[in-house]
Amino acid sequence: MSVNKIVDMTLKALSRRIDVKKHYKLYRRMLSAVHHHFLKRFYHTWDHQIILGDHVIPVRIFSPSRTGDFPLLVFFHGGGWVLGNIDSYSKVCTNLAKGTNRIVVSVDYRLAPEHPFPAALDDCYRATLEIFFNAALFGAKPEEITLVGDSAGANLAAAVSLMARDRGEFLPSKQILIYPATYDDHSPKSPFPSIRENGTGYILTAQRLCDYMDLYKGDNKDLKSPYFAPLLAEDFTCQPATLVITAQYDPLRDEGEAYGQKLKEAGNDAHIYRLPDAQHGFFTLSPRLPQVQKCYQIINQFLNDEVIAP
């Protein structure tokens, strides 16, 4: 049996059983165990805290293996705004630092439902603001900062970019949105075919998307906020250069690509790449997998201002 088939079977098995709304705390513990970074001590990391009001925002800095000054990636993890943390994403961020030869700052934002919208966004925005104005501490330049996120983390990256433009405090030069959640409706009434085509049988189902959003929202009016669902924004202008990477067998595929198209139509430098034979969550898998290798190739072409092959 091929590695791809093993991964496919594992992801489908994980998608069947757990009711996230009822057992999200159990699911958090399971994911932390599955993604524990046994090799963490062999990589250069530094833990830090950013103060926001009455709480702190933990961040973890991952440095490439060689010394020098590097551009900076600010990373927001996925997990439906309910799951994940800087520990469960340490392997991903280590691979990202190695694979791009950049410093990665991973933000441990507050999770729903204990902290509903806009808590996660507030943490991500404040952390990015602090990093932007203290980029020299990392040996980086503000104009070289790129936001990166996968899934819910990509949603937060897009929302941070919109909020940064609206508030006028800073603006990242680039953003990389990996299979982003951008819309507010993942029910059968969704206008996007990928919700119906890929909404069952995979680790991220349409029902689970609805459950995540129910846990994330503070109330129903949040659903119409462009900071909650960036595709609902009325203004898509003045956004950073953007790379949107989607997966062929992902219910979020079409809304991610629709967001990239909106950015293009508004005059932004936006690139959309659909990764064939990939499912939601592939970016967290081994960098040896062909889909992950291809993803890193596209990311590096984007970061280095090279032409991205169709």
Protein backbone atom coordinates (compact mmCIF):
# COMPACT_ATOMS: atom_id res chain seq x y z
CA MET A 1 0.00 0.00 0.00
CA SER A 2 1.39 3.43 -0.95
CA VAL A 3 2.09 6.18 1.56
CA ASN A 4 -0.67 8.28 -0.02
CA LYS A 5 -3.23 5.51 0.55
CA ILE A 6 -2.13 5.09 4.17
CA VAL A 7 -2.47 8.83 4.77
CA ASP A 8 -5.85 8.83 3.04
CA MET A 9 -7.19 6.01 5.21
CA THR A 10 -5.88 7.61 8.41
CA LEU A 11 -7.43 10.98 7.65
CA LYS A 12 -10.78 9.44 6.77
CA ALA A 13 -10.77 7.38 9.99
CA LEU A 14 -10.09 10.50 12.05
CA SER A 15 -12.98 12.34 10.37
CA ARG A 16 -15.68 9.86 11.36
CA ARG A 17 -15.94 9.61 15.09
CA ILE A 18 -15.38 12.66 17.25
CA ASP A 19 -18.10 15.27 17.80
CA VAL A 20 -15.93 18.38 18.01
CA LYS A 21 -18.61 20.52 19.65
CA LYS A 22 -19.00 18.05 22.50
CA HIS A 23 -15.46 16.74 22.82
CA TYR A 24 -13.15 19.51 21.62
CA LYS A 25 -11.03 19.28 24.79
CA LEU A 26 -10.44 15.57 24.18
CA TYR A 27 -9.62 16.30 20.55
CA ARG A 28 -7.05 18.91 21.67
CA ARG A 29 -5.27 16.35 23.82
CA MET A 30 -5.28 13.79 21.00
CA LEU A 31 -3.80 16.22 18.49
CA SER A 32 -1.16 17.38 20.95
CA ALA A 33 -0.08 13.76 21.43
CA VAL A 34 -0.08 12.99 17.71
CA HIS A 35 1.93 16.11 16.81
CA HIS A 36 4.35 16.11 19.75
CA HIS A 37 7.72 17.38 18.52
CA PHE A 38 10.20 14.78 19.80
CA LEU A 39 13.10 16.44 17.97
CA LYS A 40 12.42 19.96 19.25
CA ARG A 41 15.66 20.11 21.24
CA PHE A 42 17.69 19.68 18.04
CA TYR A 43 16.42 22.95 16.53
CA HIS A 44 16.92 26.61 17.39
CA THR A 45 13.82 27.91 19.18
CA TRP A 46 13.09 30.73 21.56
CA ASP A 47 9.89 31.27 23.54
CA HIS A 48 8.67 34.78 24.20
CA GLN A 49 5.51 36.53 25.43
CA ILE A 50 3.64 39.57 24.11
CA ILE A 51 1.40 41.47 26.52
CA LEU A 52 -2.18 42.25 25.44
CA GLY A 53 -4.33 43.82 28.14
CA ASP A 54 -4.76 41.38 30.99
CA HIS A 55 -3.19 38.36 29.28
CA VAL A 56 -0.04 37.32 27.46
CA ILE A 57 0.30 35.92 23.94
CA PRO A 58 2.97 33.20 23.78
CA VAL A 59 5.09 33.14 20.63
CA ARG A 60 7.82 30.74 19.57
CA ILE A 61 10.64 31.74 17.25
CA PHE A 62 12.16 29.12 14.92
CA SER A 63 15.48 29.94 13.28
CA PRO A 64 17.07 28.27 10.24
CA SER A 65 19.94 25.91 11.01
CA ARG A 66 22.62 28.28 9.75
CA THR A 67 23.50 31.70 11.15
CA GLY A 68 22.73 35.02 9.49
CA ASP A 69 19.98 37.58 9.00
CA PHE A 70 16.79 36.21 7.47
CA PRO A 71 13.40 37.52 6.35
CA LEU A 72 10.60 36.79 8.79
CA LEU A 73 7.41 34.72 8.56
CA VAL A 74 4.64 35.26 11.12
CA PHE A 75 2.71 31.99 11.36
CA PHE A 76 -0.87 31.38 12.56
CA HIS A 77 -1.75 27.71 13.06
CA GLY A 78 -4.86 25.91 11.88
CA GLY A 79 -7.36 23.91 13.90
CA GLY A 80 -10.72 25.58 13.33
CA TRP A 81 -9.94 28.33 15.88
CA VAL A 82 -10.61 25.59 18.48
CA LEU A 83 -7.64 23.20 18.25
CA GLY A 84 -3.88 23.46 17.98
CA ASN A 85 -1.12 25.49 19.66
CA ILE A 86 2.56 26.31 19.23
CA ASP A 87 3.52 22.89 20.60
CA SER A 88 1.36 20.87 18.21
CA TYR A 89 2.64 22.99 15.29
CA SER A 90 6.32 22.96 16.25
CA LYS A 91 7.15 20.32 13.64
CA VAL A 92 5.35 22.33 10.97
CA CYS A 93 7.16 25.54 11.91
CA THR A 94 10.53 23.78 12.10
CA ASN A 95 9.96 22.44 8.60
CA LEU A 96 8.81 25.88 7.45
CA ALA A 97 11.96 27.56 8.79
CA LYS A 98 14.17 24.92 7.18
CA GLY A 99 12.21 24.75 3.95
CA THR A 100 12.16 28.50 3.32
CA ASN A 101 15.40 29.53 5.06
CA ARG A 102 13.49 32.14 7.05
CA ILE A 103 12.78 32.92 10.69
CA VAL A 104 9.31 31.73 11.70
CA VAL A 105 7.41 33.32 14.59
CA SER A 106 4.49 31.11 15.62
CA VAL A 107 1.65 32.86 17.50
CA ASP A 108 -0.23 30.93 20.20
CA TYR A 109 -3.55 32.79 19.99
CA ARG A 110 -6.46 32.16 22.33
CA LEU A 111 -8.85 29.38 21.32
CA ALA A 112 -12.63 29.20 21.08
CA PRO A 113 -15.10 28.47 22.56
CA GLU A 114 -13.49 29.68 25.79
CA HIS A 115 -12.40 32.79 23.89
CA PRO A 116 -14.76 33.44 20.97
CA PHE A 117 -14.30 35.85 18.07
CA PRO A 118 -12.54 38.27 17.95
CA ALA A 119 -10.11 37.03 20.65
CA ALA A 120 -7.94 34.97 18.26
CA LEU A 121 -7.85 37.81 15.75
CA ASP A 122 -6.97 40.36 18.43
CA ASP A 123 -4.05 38.20 19.54
CA CYS A 124 -2.78 37.67 16.00
CA TYR A 125 -3.08 41.35 15.13
CA ARG A 126 -1.34 42.53 18.29
CA ALA A 127 1.45 39.98 17.92
CA THR A 128 2.03 41.00 14.29
CA LEU A 129 2.01 44.68 15.26
CA GLU A 130 4.66 44.09 17.93
CA ILE A 131 6.78 42.02 15.57
CA PHE A 132 6.44 44.62 12.83
CA PHE A 133 7.74 47.44 15.01
CA ASN A 134 10.49 45.29 16.53
CA ALA A 135 11.63 43.45 13.42
CA ALA A 136 15.22 44.60 13.99
CA LEU A 137 15.36 42.43 17.10
CA PHE A 138 15.08 39.43 14.78
CA GLY A 139 17.61 40.81 12.33
CA ALA A 140 14.76 41.37 9.87
CA LYS A 141 13.24 44.35 8.09
CA PRO A 142 9.53 45.30 8.42
CA GLU A 143 9.15 45.29 4.64
CA GLU A 144 10.27 41.65 4.58
CA ILE A 145 7.58 40.31 6.92
CA THR A 146 5.19 37.74 5.45
CA LEU A 147 2.05 36.39 7.13
CA VAL A 148 1.48 32.64 6.78
CA GLY A 149 -1.41 30.51 7.96
CA ASP A 150 -3.14 27.24 7.19
CA SER A 151 -6.92 26.75 7.32
CA ALA A 152 -8.24 28.80 10.27
CA GLY A 153 -4.77 30.30 10.56
CA ALA A 154 -5.01 31.45 6.94
CA ASN A 155 -8.38 32.98 7.79
CA LEU A 156 -6.65 34.91 10.58
CA ALA A 157 -3.80 35.99 8.30
CA ALA A 158 -6.28 37.38 5.76
CA ALA A 159 -8.24 39.12 8.54
CA VAL A 160 -5.06 40.62 10.02
CA SER A 161 -4.16 42.03 6.60
CA LEU A 162 -7.62 43.57 6.18
CA MET A 163 -7.54 45.00 9.70
CA ALA A 164 -4.01 46.37 9.21
CA ARG A 165 -5.16 48.25 6.10
CA ASP A 166 -8.26 49.56 7.85
CA ARG A 167 -6.39 50.74 10.94
CA GLY A 168 -3.40 52.07 9.03
CA GLU A 169 -0.85 50.92 11.61
CA PHE A 170 1.20 48.60 9.39
CA LEU A 171 0.85 46.36 6.36
CA PRO A 172 2.73 43.12 5.69
CA SER A 173 4.47 42.89 2.33
CA LYS A 174 3.16 39.40 1.58
CA GLN A 175 0.72 36.79 2.84
CA ILE A 176 0.54 33.06 2.18
CA LEU A 177 -2.91 31.54 2.69
CA ILE A 178 -2.88 27.74 2.70
CA TYR A 179 -6.38 26.29 2.15
CA PRO A 180 -7.98 29.30 3.90
CA ALA A 181 -11.48 29.48 5.37
CA THR A 182 -12.93 32.69 3.94
CA TYR A 183 -16.72 32.32 3.91
CA ASP A 184 -19.45 32.17 6.56
CA ASP A 185 -21.66 29.31 5.28
CA HIS A 186 -20.55 25.69 4.89
CA SER A 187 -24.01 24.15 4.88
CA PRO A 188 -25.56 22.55 1.77
CA LYS A 189 -26.75 26.07 0.88
CA SER A 190 -23.17 27.19 0.28
CA PRO A 191 -22.59 28.65 -3.20
CA PHE A 192 -19.32 26.71 -3.51
CA PRO A 193 -19.43 23.25 -5.16
CA SER A 194 -16.38 22.00 -3.21
CA ILE A 195 -18.48 21.98 -0.02
CA ARG A 196 -20.75 19.37 -1.58
CA GLU A 197 -18.08 17.55 -3.60
CA ASN A 198 -15.58 17.19 -0.74
CA GLY A 199 -17.74 17.75 2.34
CA THR A 200 -17.85 14.08 3.41
CA GLY A 201 -15.33 11.28 3.67
CA TYR A 202 -12.30 13.42 4.51
CA ILE A 203 -10.78 14.66 7.77
CA LEU A 204 -12.42 18.08 7.33
CA THR A 205 -16.11 17.63 6.64
CA ALA A 206 -18.70 20.28 5.88
CA GLN A 207 -20.42 19.49 9.17
CA ARG A 208 -17.19 19.91 11.09
CA LEU A 209 -16.67 23.29 9.43
CA CYS A 210 -20.12 24.35 10.65
CA ASP A 211 -19.27 23.09 14.14
CA TYR A 212 -15.98 25.00 14.21
CA MET A 213 -17.67 28.23 13.18
CA ASP A 214 -20.42 27.74 15.78
CA LEU A 215 -17.72 27.41 18.44
CA TYR A 216 -15.71 30.37 17.11
CA LYS A 217 -18.47 32.95 16.76
CA GLY A 218 -19.52 35.10 19.69
CA ASP A 219 -23.01 35.57 18.23
CA ASN A 220 -24.67 35.34 14.83
CA LYS A 221 -23.79 38.90 13.81
CA ASP A 222 -20.11 37.88 13.81
CA LEU A 223 -20.80 35.71 10.76
CA LYS A 224 -21.16 38.81 8.59
CA SER A 225 -17.96 40.50 9.71
CA PRO A 226 -15.20 40.58 7.06
CA TYR A 227 -12.76 39.91 9.89
CA PHE A 228 -14.66 36.66 10.56
CA ALA A 229 -15.25 35.75 6.90
CA PRO A 230 -12.83 37.78 4.72
CA LEU A 231 -14.67 36.94 1.50
CA LEU A 232 -17.53 39.15 2.76
CA ALA A 233 -15.35 42.27 2.72
CA GLU A 234 -16.65 45.17 0.65
CA ASP A 235 -13.15 46.46 -0.10
CA PHE A 236 -10.33 44.18 -1.28
CA THR A 237 -7.89 46.89 -2.30
CA CYS A 238 -4.49 47.71 -0.76
CA GLN A 239 -3.69 44.16 0.26
CA PRO A 240 -0.22 42.57 0.33
CA ALA A 241 1.04 40.33 -2.41
CA THR A 242 -0.84 37.09 -1.82
CA LEU A 243 -0.32 33.41 -2.52
CA VAL A 244 -3.41 31.22 -2.08
CA ILE A 245 -2.76 27.48 -2.09
CA THR A 246 -5.77 25.18 -2.16
CA ALA A 247 -6.18 21.38 -2.21
CA GLN A 248 -8.13 19.48 -4.84
CA TYR A 249 -10.13 17.39 -2.35
CA ASP A 250 -10.85 20.10 0.21
CA PRO A 251 -14.29 21.52 1.02
CA LEU A 252 -12.62 24.94 1.45
CA ARG A 253 -11.07 24.82 -2.03
CA ASP A 254 -13.51 27.05 -3.88
CA GLU A 255 -13.90 29.78 -1.26
CA GLY A 256 -10.13 30.06 -0.94
CA GLU A 257 -9.77 30.46 -4.68
CA ALA A 258 -12.67 32.94 -4.72
CA TYR A 259 -10.82 35.08 -2.18
CA GLY A 260 -7.69 35.07 -4.31
CA GLN A 261 -9.76 36.07 -7.32
CA LYS A 262 -11.35 38.96 -5.39
CA LEU A 263 -7.87 40.21 -4.51
CA LYS A 264 -6.83 39.97 -8.15
CA GLU A 265 -9.89 41.87 -9.36
CA ALA A 266 -9.14 44.63 -6.84
CA GLY A 267 -5.71 45.17 -8.39
CA ASN A 268 -3.57 43.24 -5.93
CA ASP A 269 -0.72 40.92 -6.85
CA ALA A 270 -2.43 37.61 -6.12
CA HIS A 271 -1.48 34.07 -7.16
CA ILE A 272 -3.78 31.06 -6.84
CA TYR A 273 -2.45 27.51 -6.99
CA ARG A 274 -4.61 24.40 -6.63
CA LEU A 275 -2.53 21.42 -5.52
CA PRO A 276 -3.76 18.27 -7.28
CA ASP A 277 -4.38 15.02 -5.41
CA ALA A 278 -4.24 16.79 -2.03
CA GLN A 279 -6.61 16.97 0.92
CA HIS A 280 -7.15 19.55 3.60
CA GLY A 281 -4.39 19.38 6.19
CA PHE A 282 -1.65 18.11 3.87
CA PHE A 283 0.69 20.95 4.91
CA THR A 284 1.07 19.42 8.39
CA LEU A 285 2.28 16.10 6.97
CA SER A 286 5.84 14.97 6.26
CA PRO A 287 7.80 17.27 3.91
CA ARG A 288 8.86 14.10 2.08
CA LEU A 289 5.37 13.71 0.59
CA PRO A 290 5.15 14.94 -3.02
CA GLN A 291 2.28 17.32 -2.25
CA VAL A 292 4.19 18.96 0.58
CA GLN A 293 7.36 19.20 -1.50
CA LYS A 294 5.40 20.88 -4.30
CA CYS A 295 3.82 23.26 -1.80
CA TYR A 296 7.24 24.36 -0.54
CA GLN A 297 8.44 24.83 -4.11
CA ILE A 298 5.53 27.20 -4.81
CA ILE A 299 6.02 29.04 -1.51
CA ASN A 300 9.70 29.63 -2.19
CA GLN A 301 9.01 30.84 -5.71
CA PHE A 302 6.53 33.32 -4.27
CA LEU A 303 8.82 34.47 -1.47
CA ASN A 304 11.73 34.90 -3.88
CA ASP A 305 9.59 36.79 -6.44
CA GLU A 306 10.05 34.07 -9.03
CA VAL A 307 7.50 33.05 -11.64
CA ILE A 308 5.14 30.41 -10.26
CA ALA A 309 4.66 27.65 -12.81
CA PRO A 310 1.00 26.91 -13.58
